[in-house]
Each structure stands twice: as C-alpha cells, then as structure tokens.
Amino acid sequence: MPSNEQITSKLREVIDPEIGLNIVDLGMVRSVTADSGTVKVDIALTVKGCPLASTIESDIKRLLNDLDGVSNVSVLMSSMTKEELNSLGARLQQMKSQQRSPGKIPGMSSGIDKLDKKGIQTIIAIMSGKGGVGKSYVTAMLAVELRRQGFEVGILDGDITGPSIAKIFGLSGKPMADEQGVLPKTTRSGIKVISMNLLLDTPDTPVIWRGPIINGVIRQLFNDVSWGDLHYMLVDLPPGTGDAPLTVFQSLPVDGAVIVTTPQDLAMLIVKKAINMAKQLNIPIVGLVENMSYMKCPHCSEKVEMFEDSNIGHVAKELNLNFLGKLPFDPKVNRLADKGRIEDYLSPETTQLVSSVRSQVSKLVGLTATPISWKRNSAG
C-alpha cells in the first residue's frame, strides 16, 4: 500500500476545474486513509452542490487507482465550513499579494478569459452602482415581457449574497442535473432561472464567502448550467462595482448593460460609477432606465412625483447615453412579487421599455432576435 504522503502527493495532480489550483494546496483534502487496498479521501468542496464535483471525484479515482496496491478508492464529499472558506480566501489573497504582477496566481486561471456563449444569442447585464433602485424588478419585468412576446429567455441571478429572483418568480427546490450540466428552474411562462437561493438548503442561509469564491460561483452558474438555446439572457448584478460585477464583465460574453437608477441626485451620483466601470471595461451601455419615477393615483391615474423633478433625460444626454424609459412605483408589483407571481403583472411602461431595449440591443450587436411561436399560459 502507498503511504499517506504518496497519496497526498498524487492528489496534487487533481486540479479544481474552476479555481485552477490543485485540491491539496486549496485545502480541499480533509483527510486520507489507506488500509488493505482501499483508499478513503475526504474532500471539502468550495461550493455547496458544486456542479463540477463529479469531475473532481473521477479525477481522484483515476489517479489513485493507478498506484500500486490500490484496489478501491472511496471519495467522501461535503461542502466547506465557514472557517474553511475563510481560510481558503485568506490563502488565495496571500498568494495573490506575493506575485509581482497583481492579479495573477501561479497555476491559477486568471479568471478573465471569456466563456463561450454557447446557444445564447444576446446577454444583457442589469446593473446600478447603488442598492435599492430595483434592478431585480427591472430584470424580472424585462424577462416577463420578452417571454410574453415569444422569446426564449433566461435569468442568471448574479447577486450571490442577496439573491431575490427565485422569490419573485415563486421558484423553490434545488435544480436537477444531467450529463449536460445543471438544469435551470423554469417559471410558469417558461423563463429559465438559476439563483444561489435555489442551491442553498434554506433561502435564509447566509452566503459568507470571500471574493475569489464568489467569482468562481458566478462563472459556474453561467458555464456549468445547461441553458439551451436562448434569445436573451439577463444577468441581475449586485449593487456596486466590486468583484461580482467585475467577474461578469470580464468572464461572461456580455453584449451590453442596462443601467437602473431612481430620480434622486444621490442615486445618480453613485450610478455614474457603474456607468464609468462599464465604459472602462468596454461594455456597451444599452441605456438608462429610471425606476420608481412616479406613482399613479389608483383612483384618477394622476401621476404623483415622489422625488424631485426628474432630469434623467438631461443626464442621459450629458453622458451620451440612450434613455430607455421610466417605470412607475406600483404597489401591485410588490404584492405580486411577494407571492411569486410577477408574471401576472402587465403595464404599458414595461412593454415600451422592452421595445426600447430591443431596439438599442439590435444596434449594438447587429442583429434582431425573432420571436418563436409558443402557447401563452395564464401568465401571458
């Protein structure tokens, strides 16, 4: 029988497919035992429900079965604890700081190689530098209206630590998987959705991860999910200009970004940071959407301005951006979203918004998606 040291040395040849480092240096090997021809390896996965777990397991078995004296290999897999994840994050940061070239870790993928688009025609990121402006709502309404018009649509919930898309659409339960990858959940009207909340044991489980782990998860949610052929994929980004938006822009083949703001000077000031981020990364900006622009009186339909007079048109012109439209604050949206029935909502403003987005996207990518025929359900 080989010694534990020999087995551990062999395990250094097993590379985590996402991070690009061997599983020993990543601290993923908790323990190794060898007895009477059987080797047992306890592995801690960086991501709960990792779609690449089977790849890691097969690599371990293939390499260890080649060792003399080994007749059987058993691999136990579980997710990393909070302490193990924190240790991994600290280890990666330390390795990064030791390099002369910032952002490069030896033996680790740079993380900025663009993933293949596969069968997805157009990818649009929904972003804002500020939280609370309604990015998820805008993402959901764009998806619902695009689907209502006959397009194949998917949503990648890129807000790993604060996902809300699954709740808005009334989705629950963990996704299944086949030989092609993880199967996204499908809403009542046929929108394909993947969200971190669908991979957790309970929706209120906190995701306490450092940047390198979040970056890897975002790439996995795109690359290891079997999306099929889509006309549009919408990526709901978290607020700010940190690791998650950066990973999306550098890794995903994004065709353009829709910027969401509200009619407040403070919101617009912070949103400009997101605009400048997209420009610096050469991401085309589809245009600006002003959410919660006003509220309609439920009795007379008069517009009630909740904030100062909007100057979004002037701001868009100043920034040389397209103004896509205004969306009202509608209490009905909140009620439907809480019940997971956002697909029941319909308004002329969202219809016009989708028309504006499609028009600008066609100019950016040089093509126009053609709707398919599909049978409308009660949500349509």
Protein backbone atom coordinates (compact mmCIF):
# COMPACT_ATOMS: atom_id res chain seq x y z
CA MET A 1 0.00 0.00 0.00
CA PRO A 2 1.23 3.53 -0.73
CA SER A 3 1.77 5.82 2.24
CA ASN A 4 -0.49 8.77 3.04
CA GLU A 5 2.30 11.06 1.86
CA GLN A 6 2.45 9.30 -1.51
CA ILE A 7 -1.32 9.50 -1.87
CA THR A 8 -1.34 13.20 -0.97
CA SER A 9 1.42 13.83 -3.49
CA LYS A 10 -0.68 12.13 -6.17
CA LEU A 11 -3.69 14.23 -5.20
CA ARG A 12 -1.70 17.35 -6.10
CA GLU A 13 -2.32 16.36 -9.70
CA VAL A 14 -6.06 16.87 -9.22
CA ILE A 15 -6.92 20.42 -10.27
CA ASP A 16 -10.06 22.23 -9.20
CA PRO A 17 -11.63 22.97 -12.61
CA GLU A 18 -12.89 26.42 -11.59
CA ILE A 19 -10.08 27.90 -9.48
CA GLY A 20 -7.24 26.20 -11.37
CA LEU A 21 -5.17 25.10 -8.35
CA ASN A 22 -4.65 21.58 -7.04
CA ILE A 23 -7.04 20.40 -4.33
CA VAL A 24 -4.27 19.89 -1.76
CA ASP A 25 -2.99 23.47 -1.90
CA LEU A 26 -6.59 24.69 -1.80
CA GLY A 27 -7.13 22.86 1.49
CA MET A 28 -9.88 20.71 -0.02
CA VAL A 29 -8.35 17.42 1.21
CA ARG A 30 -9.50 16.99 4.78
CA SER A 31 -8.10 13.52 5.35
CA VAL A 32 -6.59 10.46 3.65
CA THR A 33 -6.66 6.89 4.97
CA ALA A 34 -5.31 3.74 3.34
CA ASP A 35 -5.92 0.17 4.52
CA SER A 36 -5.98 -3.25 2.82
CA GLY A 37 -6.03 -1.87 -0.71
CA THR A 38 -8.76 0.70 0.00
CA VAL A 39 -8.06 4.42 -0.01
CA LYS A 40 -10.59 6.80 1.52
CA VAL A 41 -10.37 10.52 0.73
CA ASP A 42 -12.48 13.18 2.47
CA ILE A 43 -12.96 16.22 0.20
CA ALA A 44 -14.34 19.66 1.15
CA LEU A 45 -15.99 21.37 -1.84
CA THR A 46 -15.69 25.13 -2.16
CA VAL A 47 -19.27 25.42 -3.40
CA LYS A 48 -22.25 23.59 -1.94
CA GLY A 49 -23.81 21.43 -4.63
CA CYS A 50 -20.81 22.08 -6.90
CA PRO A 51 -21.68 21.00 -10.46
CA LEU A 52 -18.02 20.05 -11.01
CA ALA A 53 -17.91 17.67 -8.03
CA SER A 54 -18.21 14.63 -10.30
CA THR A 55 -15.20 15.80 -12.31
CA ILE A 56 -13.08 16.12 -9.18
CA GLU A 57 -14.22 12.72 -7.92
CA SER A 58 -13.47 10.95 -11.19
CA ASP A 59 -10.00 12.57 -11.37
CA ILE A 60 -9.21 11.39 -7.84
CA LYS A 61 -10.30 7.82 -8.55
CA ARG A 62 -8.45 7.68 -11.86
CA LEU A 63 -5.15 8.88 -10.40
CA LEU A 64 -5.23 6.86 -7.18
CA ASN A 65 -6.27 3.63 -8.88
CA ASP A 66 -3.02 3.84 -10.84
CA LEU A 67 -1.00 3.49 -7.61
CA ASP A 68 0.42 0.04 -6.83
CA GLY A 69 -1.52 -1.75 -4.10
CA VAL A 70 -4.71 0.28 -4.51
CA SER A 71 -7.77 -1.77 -5.46
CA ASN A 72 -10.56 0.54 -4.36
CA VAL A 73 -10.95 4.31 -3.94
CA SER A 74 -13.74 5.87 -1.89
CA VAL A 75 -14.37 9.62 -2.07
CA LEU A 76 -16.49 11.40 0.54
CA MET A 77 -17.61 14.91 -0.43
CA SER A 78 -19.17 17.70 1.61
CA SER A 79 -19.13 21.49 1.47
CA MET A 80 -16.57 23.66 3.24
CA THR A 81 -17.40 25.14 6.60
CA LYS A 82 -17.40 28.88 7.12
CA GLU A 83 -13.97 28.62 8.74
CA GLU A 84 -12.58 26.59 5.82
CA LEU A 85 -13.92 29.09 3.29
CA ASN A 86 -12.39 31.99 5.21
CA SER A 87 -9.08 30.14 5.32
CA LEU A 88 -9.23 29.49 1.59
CA GLY A 89 -9.98 33.13 0.85
CA ALA A 90 -7.06 34.26 3.02
CA ARG A 91 -4.75 31.74 1.32
CA LEU A 92 -5.68 32.97 -2.15
CA GLN A 93 -5.24 36.60 -1.14
CA GLN A 94 -1.81 35.82 0.29
CA MET A 95 -0.74 34.05 -2.90
CA LYS A 96 -2.03 36.96 -4.95
CA SER A 97 -0.10 39.54 -2.94
CA GLN A 98 3.14 37.58 -3.37
CA GLN A 99 3.09 37.97 -7.12
CA ARG A 100 4.96 40.71 -8.92
CA SER A 101 2.10 41.01 -11.41
CA PRO A 102 -1.04 41.98 -9.50
CA GLY A 103 -4.00 39.72 -10.00
CA LYS A 104 -2.02 36.67 -11.15
CA ILE A 105 -1.64 33.49 -9.10
CA PRO A 106 0.73 30.72 -10.24
CA GLY A 107 -1.15 27.71 -11.56
CA MET A 108 -4.46 29.56 -11.29
CA SER A 109 -6.65 30.72 -14.13
CA SER A 110 -6.64 34.50 -14.40
CA GLY A 111 -10.43 34.41 -14.38
CA ILE A 112 -10.66 36.94 -17.18
CA ASP A 113 -10.89 34.55 -20.10
CA LYS A 114 -14.25 34.98 -21.79
CA LEU A 115 -16.56 32.00 -21.51
CA ASP A 116 -18.22 30.66 -24.62
CA LYS A 117 -21.69 31.99 -25.43
CA LYS A 118 -22.93 28.54 -26.41
CA GLY A 119 -26.54 28.76 -27.58
CA ILE A 120 -27.27 32.20 -26.15
CA GLN A 121 -27.87 34.92 -28.70
CA THR A 122 -27.75 38.08 -26.55
CA ILE A 123 -26.56 38.63 -22.97
CA ILE A 124 -27.62 41.79 -21.15
CA ALA A 125 -26.41 42.77 -17.66
CA ILE A 126 -28.75 44.79 -15.43
CA MET A 127 -26.68 46.94 -13.09
CA SER A 128 -26.50 50.01 -10.86
CA GLY A 129 -23.88 51.38 -8.54
CA LYS A 130 -26.48 51.72 -5.78
CA GLY A 131 -28.70 49.23 -3.99
CA GLY A 132 -32.43 49.68 -3.61
CA VAL A 133 -33.12 51.05 -7.09
CA GLY A 134 -34.99 47.95 -8.27
CA LYS A 135 -32.52 46.09 -10.51
CA SER A 136 -34.15 42.74 -9.79
CA TYR A 137 -37.59 44.15 -10.55
CA VAL A 138 -36.38 45.61 -13.84
CA THR A 139 -34.67 42.32 -14.69
CA ALA A 140 -37.83 40.37 -13.93
CA MET A 141 -40.11 42.70 -15.90
CA LEU A 142 -37.80 42.69 -18.92
CA ALA A 143 -37.75 38.88 -18.83
CA VAL A 144 -41.53 38.59 -18.42
CA GLU A 145 -42.28 40.96 -21.28
CA LEU A 146 -39.68 39.40 -23.59
CA ARG A 147 -41.16 35.99 -22.88
CA ARG A 148 -44.67 37.36 -23.42
CA GLN A 149 -43.51 38.48 -26.88
CA GLY A 150 -42.39 34.95 -27.71
CA PHE A 151 -38.66 34.93 -26.95
CA GLU A 152 -36.67 32.21 -25.18
CA VAL A 153 -35.34 33.96 -22.05
CA GLY A 154 -33.05 33.06 -19.15
CA ILE A 155 -32.10 34.90 -15.96
CA LEU A 156 -28.81 34.44 -14.15
CA ASP A 157 -29.11 35.91 -10.65
CA GLY A 158 -25.62 37.29 -10.19
CA ASP A 159 -26.36 38.75 -6.76
CA ILE A 160 -24.80 35.80 -4.92
CA THR A 161 -25.10 37.18 -1.39
CA GLY A 162 -28.53 38.79 -1.81
CA PRO A 163 -30.46 36.84 -4.45
CA SER A 164 -34.14 37.63 -4.95
CA ILE A 165 -35.06 36.44 -8.46
CA ALA A 166 -36.22 32.98 -7.32
CA LYS A 167 -38.59 34.51 -4.77
CA ILE A 168 -40.04 36.96 -7.29
CA PHE A 169 -40.94 34.11 -9.63
CA GLY A 170 -42.12 31.73 -6.90
CA LEU A 171 -39.35 29.18 -7.53
CA SER A 172 -38.02 26.81 -4.88
CA GLY A 173 -36.24 23.47 -4.59
CA LYS A 174 -32.80 22.52 -5.82
CA PRO A 175 -32.18 22.22 -9.56
CA MET A 176 -31.66 18.79 -11.10
CA ALA A 177 -28.67 17.86 -13.25
CA ASP A 178 -27.97 15.63 -16.22
CA GLU A 179 -24.94 14.78 -18.34
CA GLN A 180 -25.10 18.25 -19.89
CA GLY A 181 -24.93 20.11 -16.56
CA VAL A 182 -27.25 21.72 -14.04
CA LEU A 183 -30.80 22.25 -15.28
CA PRO A 184 -32.16 25.73 -14.55
CA LYS A 185 -35.56 26.08 -12.92
CA THR A 186 -38.37 27.12 -15.24
CA THR A 187 -41.07 29.64 -14.38
CA ARG A 188 -44.76 29.25 -15.25
CA SER A 189 -44.33 31.09 -18.54
CA GLY A 190 -41.10 29.28 -19.48
CA ILE A 191 -38.32 31.62 -18.28
CA LYS A 192 -35.19 29.70 -17.27
CA VAL A 193 -33.73 30.81 -13.93
CA ILE A 194 -30.66 29.98 -11.85
CA SER A 195 -30.09 31.65 -8.49
CA MET A 196 -27.94 30.98 -5.45
CA ASN A 197 -31.06 30.66 -3.30
CA LEU A 198 -32.04 27.59 -5.30
CA LEU A 199 -28.77 25.89 -4.33
CA LEU A 200 -29.00 26.55 -0.58
CA ASP A 201 -30.64 24.26 1.97
CA THR A 202 -32.88 27.13 3.08
CA PRO A 203 -33.46 30.54 1.44
CA ASP A 204 -32.36 32.39 4.58
CA THR A 205 -28.95 30.67 4.76
CA PRO A 206 -26.32 33.43 4.58
CA VAL A 207 -23.65 33.22 1.89
CA ILE A 208 -20.49 34.28 3.71
CA TRP A 209 -17.83 33.98 1.04
CA ARG A 210 -14.82 35.97 0.01
CA GLY A 211 -14.35 37.44 -3.45
CA PRO A 212 -12.44 34.55 -5.13
CA ILE A 213 -15.16 32.07 -4.22
CA ILE A 214 -17.97 34.35 -5.40
CA ASN A 215 -16.13 34.91 -8.67
CA GLY A 216 -15.88 31.16 -9.25
CA VAL A 217 -19.54 30.61 -8.46
CA ILE A 218 -20.69 33.24 -10.95
CA ARG A 219 -18.65 31.58 -13.68
CA GLN A 220 -20.11 28.20 -12.73
CA LEU A 221 -23.69 29.48 -12.74
CA PHE A 222 -23.15 30.52 -16.35
CA ASN A 223 -20.84 27.85 -17.73
CA ASP A 224 -22.00 24.71 -15.90
CA VAL A 225 -25.73 25.27 -16.32
CA SER A 226 -27.48 23.73 -19.31
CA TRP A 227 -29.23 26.84 -20.61
CA GLY A 228 -30.11 25.51 -24.04
CA ASP A 229 -30.82 27.95 -26.86
CA LEU A 230 -31.87 31.41 -25.67
CA HIS A 231 -32.68 34.63 -27.47
CA TYR A 232 -31.88 36.65 -24.35
CA MET A 233 -30.07 36.05 -21.09
CA LEU A 234 -30.49 38.73 -18.42
CA VAL A 235 -27.88 38.89 -15.65
CA ASP A 236 -29.09 40.55 -12.45
CA LEU A 237 -25.99 42.11 -10.88
CA PRO A 238 -25.46 43.09 -7.24
CA PRO A 239 -25.03 46.78 -6.42
CA GLY A 240 -21.63 48.42 -6.55
CA THR A 241 -18.54 47.98 -8.68
CA GLY A 242 -16.88 45.12 -6.81
CA ASP A 243 -15.83 41.55 -7.51
CA ALA A 244 -19.17 40.19 -8.76
CA PRO A 245 -19.87 42.81 -11.46
CA LEU A 246 -16.20 42.72 -12.47
CA THR A 247 -16.33 38.92 -12.87
CA VAL A 248 -19.47 39.15 -15.02
CA PHE A 249 -17.96 41.78 -17.31
CA GLN A 250 -14.61 40.05 -17.63
CA SER A 251 -15.80 36.45 -17.85
CA LEU A 252 -19.23 36.46 -19.47
CA PRO A 253 -19.64 37.43 -23.14
CA VAL A 254 -21.90 40.36 -22.25
CA ASP A 255 -23.35 42.27 -25.21
CA GLY A 256 -24.49 45.29 -23.23
CA ALA A 257 -25.56 46.71 -19.89
CA VAL A 258 -28.83 48.33 -18.85
CA ILE A 259 -28.29 50.89 -16.08
CA VAL A 260 -31.05 51.33 -13.49
CA THR A 261 -31.44 54.45 -11.36
CA THR A 262 -34.09 56.41 -9.46
CA PRO A 263 -34.93 60.14 -9.66
CA GLN A 264 -32.52 61.19 -6.90
CA ASP A 265 -29.28 63.11 -7.20
CA LEU A 266 -27.61 60.74 -4.71
CA ALA A 267 -28.64 57.67 -6.69
CA MET A 268 -27.49 59.18 -9.97
CA LEU A 269 -24.16 60.19 -8.46
CA ILE A 270 -23.43 56.59 -7.47
CA VAL A 271 -24.88 55.13 -10.65
CA LYS A 272 -22.36 57.14 -12.64
CA LYS A 273 -19.66 54.99 -11.05
CA ALA A 274 -21.28 51.90 -12.56
CA ILE A 275 -21.51 53.65 -15.93
CA ASN A 276 -17.82 54.53 -15.82
CA MET A 277 -16.96 50.96 -14.80
CA ALA A 278 -18.78 49.55 -17.82
CA LYS A 279 -17.08 52.04 -20.11
CA GLN A 280 -13.62 51.25 -18.74
CA LEU A 281 -14.25 47.54 -19.37
CA ASN A 282 -15.51 48.26 -22.89
CA ILE A 283 -19.03 47.02 -22.16
CA PRO A 284 -21.56 48.75 -24.43
CA ILE A 285 -24.29 50.54 -22.47
CA VAL A 286 -27.76 49.85 -23.81
CA GLY A 287 -29.19 52.82 -21.93
CA LEU A 288 -30.67 54.22 -18.72
CA VAL A 289 -33.89 53.15 -17.01
CA GLU A 290 -35.42 55.33 -14.33
CA ASN A 291 -37.35 53.21 -11.84
CA MET A 292 -39.90 54.49 -9.31
CA SER A 293 -40.17 57.69 -11.33
CA TYR A 294 -43.66 58.42 -10.09
CA MET A 295 -46.76 56.76 -8.66
CA LYS A 296 -50.15 56.62 -10.33
CA CYS A 297 -53.16 57.51 -8.19
CA PRO A 298 -55.29 54.34 -8.01
CA HIS A 299 -58.47 56.43 -8.30
CA CYS A 300 -57.77 59.01 -11.00
CA SER A 301 -54.46 57.78 -12.53
CA GLU A 302 -52.84 61.17 -11.88
CA LYS A 303 -49.05 60.97 -11.68
CA VAL A 304 -47.66 61.67 -8.20
CA GLU A 305 -43.99 62.69 -8.14
CA MET A 306 -42.40 61.07 -5.07
CA PHE A 307 -39.00 62.65 -5.58
CA GLU A 308 -37.72 65.90 -7.03
CA ASP A 309 -38.45 66.56 -10.67
CA SER A 310 -36.52 64.04 -12.71
CA ASN A 311 -33.75 65.23 -15.02
CA ILE A 312 -32.93 61.77 -16.35
CA GLY A 313 -33.26 62.90 -19.95
CA HIS A 314 -30.72 65.65 -19.40
CA VAL A 315 -28.36 63.27 -17.58
CA ALA A 316 -28.60 60.69 -20.39
CA LYS A 317 -27.80 63.39 -22.95
CA GLU A 318 -24.92 64.66 -20.84
CA LEU A 319 -23.46 61.15 -20.63
CA ASN A 320 -24.22 60.45 -24.29
CA LEU A 321 -26.43 57.51 -23.35
CA ASN A 322 -29.81 56.34 -24.55
CA PHE A 323 -32.78 56.99 -22.26
CA LEU A 324 -34.85 53.80 -22.33
CA GLY A 325 -37.85 54.85 -20.27
CA LYS A 326 -39.45 55.46 -16.90
CA LEU A 327 -41.16 52.88 -14.71
CA PRO A 328 -43.71 53.89 -12.06
CA PHE A 329 -43.83 52.79 -8.45
CA ASP A 330 -46.74 50.36 -8.41
CA PRO A 331 -47.82 48.68 -5.13
CA LYS A 332 -49.27 45.83 -7.20
CA VAL A 333 -45.74 44.82 -8.21
CA ASN A 334 -44.73 44.37 -4.56
CA ARG A 335 -47.78 42.27 -3.80
CA LEU A 336 -47.27 40.02 -6.81
CA ALA A 337 -43.52 39.68 -6.18
CA ASP A 338 -44.13 38.63 -2.56
CA LYS A 339 -46.49 35.93 -3.84
CA GLY A 340 -44.05 34.80 -6.54
CA ARG A 341 -46.46 35.84 -9.29
CA ILE A 342 -44.56 38.63 -11.02
CA GLU A 343 -45.51 37.09 -14.37
CA ASP A 344 -49.10 38.22 -13.79
CA TYR A 345 -48.05 41.88 -13.97
CA LEU A 346 -48.58 43.81 -17.17
CA SER A 347 -48.16 47.51 -17.89
CA PRO A 348 -47.70 49.70 -20.98
CA GLU A 349 -44.50 51.09 -19.44
CA THR A 350 -42.77 47.69 -19.34
CA THR A 351 -43.93 46.93 -22.89
CA GLN A 352 -42.41 50.21 -24.07
CA LEU A 353 -39.23 49.54 -22.10
CA VAL A 354 -38.69 46.19 -23.80
CA SER A 355 -39.27 47.82 -27.18
CA SER A 356 -36.58 50.41 -26.41
CA VAL A 357 -34.14 47.80 -25.10
CA ARG A 358 -34.61 45.54 -28.13
CA SER A 359 -34.12 48.47 -30.50
CA GLN A 360 -30.85 49.54 -28.88
CA VAL A 361 -29.54 45.98 -28.48
CA SER A 362 -30.13 45.29 -32.17
CA LYS A 363 -27.97 48.31 -32.98
CA LEU A 364 -25.22 47.15 -30.61
CA VAL A 365 -24.98 43.51 -31.68
CA GLY A 366 -26.06 43.94 -35.27
CA LEU A 367 -28.98 41.53 -35.18
CA THR A 368 -32.58 41.32 -34.11
CA ALA A 369 -33.98 38.26 -32.36
CA THR A 370 -37.04 36.70 -33.97
CA PRO A 371 -39.80 35.51 -31.63
CA ILE A 372 -40.82 31.88 -31.70
CA SER A 373 -44.35 30.60 -31.60
CA TRP A 374 -45.43 29.45 -28.17
CA LYS A 375 -48.69 28.84 -26.41
CA ARG A 376 -49.49 31.54 -23.88
CA ASN A 377 -50.47 30.34 -20.44
CA SER A 378 -52.45 32.16 -17.77
CA ALA A 379 -49.47 34.41 -17.04
CA GLY A 380 -49.34 35.62 -20.65
